[in-house]
Amino acid sequence: MPVVTVQQGPRDIELKRELIKKITDAFVETYRIPAETVMVFIEETPADSFGVGGKLAADK
């Protein structure tokens, strides 16, 4: 069973649904496995808890 973990800042639930569907579809197509065997975790980190390019993400 493939397990995928996505680490990101907060996103809208509809975007997360779309992302999980597309990741699952990629595994189904590439590995030729049932969608039910693909597990996707989304770990969200608040923008005030990570930085990009030397700056706090919340400051952008």
PDB file of N, CA and C in Angstrom:
ATOM      1  N   MET A   1       0.845  -1.179   0.000  1.00  0.00           N
ATOM      2  CA  MET A   1       0.000   0.000   0.000  1.00  0.00           C
ATOM      3  C   MET A   1       0.888   1.238   0.000  1.00  0.00           C
ATOM      4  N   PRO A   2       0.797   2.075  -1.032  1.00  0.00           N
ATOM      5  CA  PRO A   2       1.546   3.330  -1.041  1.00  0.00           C
ATOM      6  C   PRO A   2       0.984   4.293   0.009  1.00  0.00           C
ATOM      7  N   VAL A   3       1.895   4.967   0.693  1.00  0.00           N
ATOM      8  CA  VAL A   3       1.517   5.994   1.660  1.00  0.00           C
ATOM      9  C   VAL A   3       2.255   7.272   1.260  1.00  0.00           C
ATOM     10  N   VAL A   4       1.504   8.332   1.040  1.00  0.00           N
ATOM     11  CA  VAL A   4       2.063   9.612   0.618  1.00  0.00           C
ATOM     12  C   VAL A   4       1.770  10.635   1.708  1.00  0.00           C
ATOM     13  N   THR A   5       2.792  11.414   2.070  1.00  0.00           N
ATOM     14  CA  THR A   5       2.597  12.498   3.029  1.00  0.00           C
ATOM     15  C   THR A   5       2.943  13.814   2.356  1.00  0.00           C
ATOM     16  N   VAL A   6       2.007  14.750   2.400  1.00  0.00           N
ATOM     17  CA  VAL A   6       2.197  16.080   1.838  1.00  0.00           C
ATOM     18  C   VAL A   6       2.303  17.048   3.006  1.00  0.00           C
ATOM     19  N   GLN A   7       3.384  17.801   3.053  1.00  0.00           N
ATOM     20  CA  GLN A   7       3.541  18.828   4.072  1.00  0.00           C
ATOM     21  C   GLN A   7       3.349  20.175   3.402  1.00  0.00           C
ATOM     22  N   GLN A   8       2.473  20.989   3.962  1.00  0.00           N
ATOM     23  CA  GLN A   8       2.153  22.268   3.328  1.00  0.00           C
ATOM     24  C   GLN A   8       1.563  23.228   4.339  1.00  0.00           C
ATOM     25  N   GLY A   9       1.398  24.458   3.896  1.00  0.00           N
ATOM     26  CA  GLY A   9       0.653  25.434   4.674  1.00  0.00           C
ATOM     27  C   GLY A   9      -0.832  25.174   4.499  1.00  0.00           C
ATOM     28  N   PRO A  10      -1.658  25.820   5.288  1.00  0.00           N
ATOM     29  CA  PRO A  10      -3.105  25.608   5.222  1.00  0.00           C
ATOM     30  C   PRO A  10      -3.677  25.904   3.827  1.00  0.00           C
ATOM     31  N   ARG A  11      -4.575  25.042   3.395  1.00  0.00           N
ATOM     32  CA  ARG A  11      -5.258  25.201   2.111  1.00  0.00           C
ATOM     33  C   ARG A  11      -6.746  24.927   2.307  1.00  0.00           C
ATOM     34  N   ASP A  12      -7.550  25.394   1.384  1.00  0.00           N
ATOM     35  CA  ASP A  12      -8.988  25.168   1.370  1.00  0.00           C
ATOM     36  C   ASP A  12      -9.282  23.669   1.221  1.00  0.00           C
ATOM     37  N   ILE A  13     -10.341  23.212   1.851  1.00  0.00           N
ATOM     38  CA  ILE A  13     -10.677  21.791   1.817  1.00  0.00           C
ATOM     39  C   ILE A  13     -10.919  21.285   0.393  1.00  0.00           C
ATOM     40  N   GLU A  14     -11.489  22.112  -0.471  1.00  0.00           N
ATOM     41  CA  GLU A  14     -11.716  21.678  -1.856  1.00  0.00           C
ATOM     42  C   GLU A  14     -10.396  21.423  -2.581  1.00  0.00           C
ATOM     43  N   LEU A  15      -9.398  22.252  -2.326  1.00  0.00           N
ATOM     44  CA  LEU A  15      -8.077  22.034  -2.931  1.00  0.00           C
ATOM     45  C   LEU A  15      -7.457  20.743  -2.418  1.00  0.00           C
ATOM     46  N   LYS A  16      -7.645  20.449  -1.136  1.00  0.00           N
ATOM     47  CA  LYS A  16      -7.105  19.214  -0.573  1.00  0.00           C
ATOM     48  C   LYS A  16      -7.803  18.000  -1.175  1.00  0.00           C
ATOM     49  N   ARG A  17      -9.102  18.085  -1.386  1.00  0.00           N
ATOM     50  CA  ARG A  17      -9.829  16.987  -2.041  1.00  0.00           C
ATOM     51  C   ARG A  17      -9.270  16.730  -3.439  1.00  0.00           C
ATOM     52  N   GLU A  18      -9.060  17.813  -4.179  1.00  0.00           N
ATOM     53  CA  GLU A  18      -8.530  17.691  -5.543  1.00  0.00           C
ATOM     54  C   GLU A  18      -7.122  17.093  -5.535  1.00  0.00           C
ATOM     55  N   LEU A  19      -6.277  17.548  -4.625  1.00  0.00           N
ATOM     56  CA  LEU A  19      -4.915  17.036  -4.540  1.00  0.00           C
ATOM     57  C   LEU A  19      -4.901  15.544  -4.224  1.00  0.00           C
ATOM     58  N   ILE A  20      -5.695  15.132  -3.241  1.00  0.00           N
ATOM     59  CA  ILE A  20      -5.751  13.715  -2.879  1.00  0.00           C
ATOM     60  C   ILE A  20      -6.237  12.873  -4.049  1.00  0.00           C
ATOM     61  N   LYS A  21      -7.223  13.356  -4.764  1.00  0.00           N
ATOM     62  CA  LYS A  21      -7.735  12.624  -5.949  1.00  0.00           C
ATOM     63  C   LYS A  21      -6.648  12.472  -7.000  1.00  0.00           C
ATOM     64  N   LYS A  22      -5.933  13.542  -7.287  1.00  0.00           N
ATOM     65  CA  LYS A  22      -4.909  13.495  -8.339  1.00  0.00           C
ATOM     66  C   LYS A  22      -3.721  12.620  -7.939  1.00  0.00           C
ATOM     67  N   ILE A  23      -3.326  12.688  -6.679  1.00  0.00           N
ATOM     68  CA  ILE A  23      -2.232  11.822  -6.217  1.00  0.00           C
ATOM     69  C   ILE A  23      -2.663  10.359  -6.318  1.00  0.00           C
ATOM     70  N   THR A  24      -3.866  10.066  -5.860  1.00  0.00           N
ATOM     71  CA  THR A  24      -4.378   8.698  -5.930  1.00  0.00           C
ATOM     72  C   THR A  24      -4.453   8.222  -7.374  1.00  0.00           C
ATOM     73  N   ASP A  25      -4.989   9.046  -8.250  1.00  0.00           N
ATOM     74  CA  ASP A  25      -5.090   8.682  -9.674  1.00  0.00           C
ATOM     75  C   ASP A  25      -3.723   8.384 -10.278  1.00  0.00           C
ATOM     76  N   ALA A  26      -2.712   9.138  -9.889  1.00  0.00           N
ATOM     77  CA  ALA A  26      -1.359   8.916 -10.416  1.00  0.00           C
ATOM     78  C   ALA A  26      -0.842   7.536 -10.021  1.00  0.00           C
ATOM     79  N   PHE A  27      -1.078   7.127  -8.782  1.00  0.00           N
ATOM     80  CA  PHE A  27      -0.652   5.799  -8.345  1.00  0.00           C
ATOM     81  C   PHE A  27      -1.446   4.703  -9.048  1.00  0.00           C
ATOM     82  N   VAL A  28      -2.745   4.905  -9.173  1.00  0.00           N
ATOM     83  CA  VAL A  28      -3.598   3.919  -9.848  1.00  0.00           C
ATOM     84  C   VAL A  28      -3.132   3.714 -11.283  1.00  0.00           C
ATOM     85  N   GLU A  29      -2.869   4.798 -11.980  1.00  0.00           N
ATOM     86  CA  GLU A  29      -2.444   4.718 -13.376  1.00  0.00           C
ATOM     87  C   GLU A  29      -1.037   4.136 -13.514  1.00  0.00           C
ATOM     88  N   THR A  30      -0.117   4.593 -12.705  1.00  0.00           N
ATOM     89  CA  THR A  30       1.281   4.188 -12.835  1.00  0.00           C
ATOM     90  C   THR A  30       1.536   2.776 -12.317  1.00  0.00           C
ATOM     91  N   TYR A  31       1.007   2.470 -11.143  1.00  0.00           N
ATOM     92  CA  TYR A  31       1.273   1.173 -10.511  1.00  0.00           C
ATOM     93  C   TYR A  31       0.208   0.124 -10.839  1.00  0.00           C
ATOM     94  N   ARG A  32      -0.887   0.584 -11.440  1.00  0.00           N
ATOM     95  CA  ARG A  32      -2.004  -0.312 -11.762  1.00  0.00           C
ATOM     96  C   ARG A  32      -2.508  -1.043 -10.514  1.00  0.00           C
ATOM     97  N   ILE A  33      -2.846  -0.236  -9.515  1.00  0.00           N
ATOM     98  CA  ILE A  33      -3.357  -0.752  -8.250  1.00  0.00           C
ATOM     99  C   ILE A  33      -4.717  -0.125  -7.968  1.00  0.00           C
ATOM    100  N   PRO A  34      -5.507  -0.743  -7.098  1.00  0.00           N
ATOM    101  CA  PRO A  34      -6.806  -0.157  -6.748  1.00  0.00           C
ATOM    102  C   PRO A  34      -6.635   1.137  -5.940  1.00  0.00           C
ATOM    103  N   ALA A  35      -7.518   2.081  -6.177  1.00  0.00           N
ATOM    104  CA  ALA A  35      -7.476   3.358  -5.459  1.00  0.00           C
ATOM    105  C   ALA A  35      -7.565   3.145  -3.949  1.00  0.00           C
ATOM    106  N   GLU A  36      -8.266   2.105  -3.535  1.00  0.00           N
ATOM    107  CA  GLU A  36      -8.457   1.836  -2.113  1.00  0.00           C
ATOM    108  C   GLU A  36      -7.155   1.498  -1.393  1.00  0.00           C
ATOM    109  N   THR A  37      -6.096   1.217  -2.150  1.00  0.00           N
ATOM    110  CA  THR A  37      -4.822   0.864  -1.519  1.00  0.00           C
ATOM    111  C   THR A  37      -3.892   2.058  -1.352  1.00  0.00           C
ATOM    112  N   VAL A  38      -4.306   3.224  -1.829  1.00  0.00           N
ATOM    113  CA  VAL A  38      -3.466   4.423  -1.764  1.00  0.00           C
ATOM    114  C   VAL A  38      -3.915   5.280  -0.579  1.00  0.00           C
ATOM    115  N   MET A  39      -2.961   5.603   0.298  1.00  0.00           N
ATOM    116  CA  MET A  39      -3.262   6.434   1.462  1.00  0.00           C
ATOM    117  C   MET A  39      -2.496   7.748   1.352  1.00  0.00           C
ATOM    118  N   VAL A  40      -3.200   8.861   1.512  1.00  0.00           N
ATOM    119  CA  VAL A  40      -2.579  10.182   1.410  1.00  0.00           C
ATOM    120  C   VAL A  40      -2.843  10.944   2.706  1.00  0.00           C
ATOM    121  N   PHE A  41      -1.772  11.423   3.321  1.00  0.00           N
ATOM    122  CA  PHE A  41      -1.873  12.260   4.513  1.00  0.00           C
ATOM    123  C   PHE A  41      -1.483  13.682   4.136  1.00  0.00           C
ATOM    124  N   ILE A  42      -2.224  14.649   4.635  1.00  0.00           N
ATOM    125  CA  ILE A  42      -1.853  16.053   4.462  1.00  0.00           C
ATOM    126  C   ILE A  42      -1.557  16.612   5.846  1.00  0.00           C
ATOM    127  N   GLU A  43      -0.321  17.061   6.017  1.00  0.00           N
ATOM    128  CA  GLU A  43       0.091  17.682   7.269  1.00  0.00           C
ATOM    129  C   GLU A  43       0.203  19.184   7.022  1.00  0.00           C
ATOM    130  N   GLU A  44      -0.624  19.945   7.697  1.00  0.00           N
ATOM    131  CA  GLU A  44      -0.625  21.393   7.502  1.00  0.00           C
ATOM    132  C   GLU A  44       0.117  22.088   8.644  1.00  0.00           C
ATOM    133  N   THR A  45       0.960  23.009   8.266  1.00  0.00           N
ATOM    134  CA  THR A  45       1.709  23.811   9.223  1.00  0.00           C
ATOM    135  C   THR A  45       1.277  25.259   9.058  1.00  0.00           C
ATOM    136  N   PRO A  46       0.891  25.923  10.120  1.00  0.00           N
ATOM    137  CA  PRO A  46       0.481  27.324  10.020  1.00  0.00           C
ATOM    138  C   PRO A  46       1.602  28.198   9.439  1.00  0.00           C
ATOM    139  N   ALA A  47       1.214  29.229   8.725  1.00  0.00           N
ATOM    140  CA  ALA A  47       2.181  30.114   8.056  1.00  0.00           C
ATOM    141  C   ALA A  47       3.129  30.798   9.039  1.00  0.00           C
ATOM    142  N   ASP A  48       2.752  30.857  10.299  1.00  0.00           N
ATOM    143  CA  ASP A  48       3.657  31.467  11.287  1.00  0.00           C
ATOM    144  C   ASP A  48       4.614  30.446  11.902  1.00  0.00           C
ATOM    145  N   SER A  49       4.624  29.229  11.325  1.00  0.00           N
ATOM    146  CA  SER A  49       5.482  28.167  11.856  1.00  0.00           C
ATOM    147  C   SER A  49       6.483  27.616  10.849  1.00  0.00           C
ATOM    148  N   PHE A  50       6.646  28.300   9.710  1.00  0.00           N
ATOM    149  CA  PHE A  50       7.680  27.890   8.759  1.00  0.00           C
ATOM    150  C   PHE A  50       8.132  29.091   7.941  1.00  0.00           C
ATOM    151  N   GLY A  51       9.302  28.939   7.340  1.00  0.00           N
ATOM    152  CA  GLY A  51       9.849  30.028   6.540  1.00  0.00           C
ATOM    153  C   GLY A  51      10.204  29.573   5.145  1.00  0.00           C
ATOM    154  N   VAL A  52      10.259  30.530   4.231  1.00  0.00           N
ATOM    155  CA  VAL A  52      10.641  30.292   2.840  1.00  0.00           C
ATOM    156  C   VAL A  52      11.581  31.423   2.434  1.00  0.00           C
ATOM    157  N   GLY A  53      12.710  31.067   1.879  1.00  0.00           N
ATOM    158  CA  GLY A  53      13.651  32.089   1.412  1.00  0.00           C
ATOM    159  C   GLY A  53      14.174  32.995   2.511  1.00  0.00           C
ATOM    160  N   GLY A  54      14.270  32.452   3.723  1.00  0.00           N
ATOM    161  CA  GLY A  54      14.804  33.223   4.832  1.00  0.00           C
ATOM    162  C   GLY A  54      13.791  34.127   5.523  1.00  0.00           C
ATOM    163  N   LYS A  55      12.515  34.000   5.140  1.00  0.00           N
ATOM    164  CA  LYS A  55      11.477  34.827   5.744  1.00  0.00           C
ATOM    165  C   LYS A  55      10.331  33.958   6.245  1.00  0.00           C
ATOM    166  N   LEU A  56       9.730  34.373   7.339  1.00  0.00           N
ATOM    167  CA  LEU A  56       8.570  33.697   7.863  1.00  0.00           C
ATOM    168  C   LEU A  56       7.458  33.746   6.828  1.00  0.00           C
ATOM    169  N   ALA A  57       6.831  32.624   6.543  1.00  0.00           N
ATOM    170  CA  ALA A  57       5.791  32.567   5.515  1.00  0.00           C
ATOM    171  C   ALA A  57       4.629  33.517   5.830  1.00  0.00           C
ATOM    172  N   ALA A  58       4.335  33.719   7.087  1.00  0.00           N
ATOM    173  CA  ALA A  58       3.252  34.617   7.488  1.00  0.00           C
ATOM    174  C   ALA A  58       3.530  36.067   7.118  1.00  0.00           C
ATOM    175  N   ASP A  59       4.795  36.413   6.900  1.00  0.00           N
ATOM    176  CA  ASP A  59       5.152  37.787   6.578  1.00  0.00           C
ATOM    177  C   ASP A  59       5.048  38.108   5.094  1.00  0.00           C
ATOM    178  N   LYS A  60       4.711  37.151   4.305  1.00  0.00           N
ATOM    179  CA  LYS A  60       4.618  37.402   2.850  1.00  0.00           C
ATOM    180  C   LYS A  60       3.260  37.922   2.471  1.00  0.00           C
TER     181      LYS A  60
END
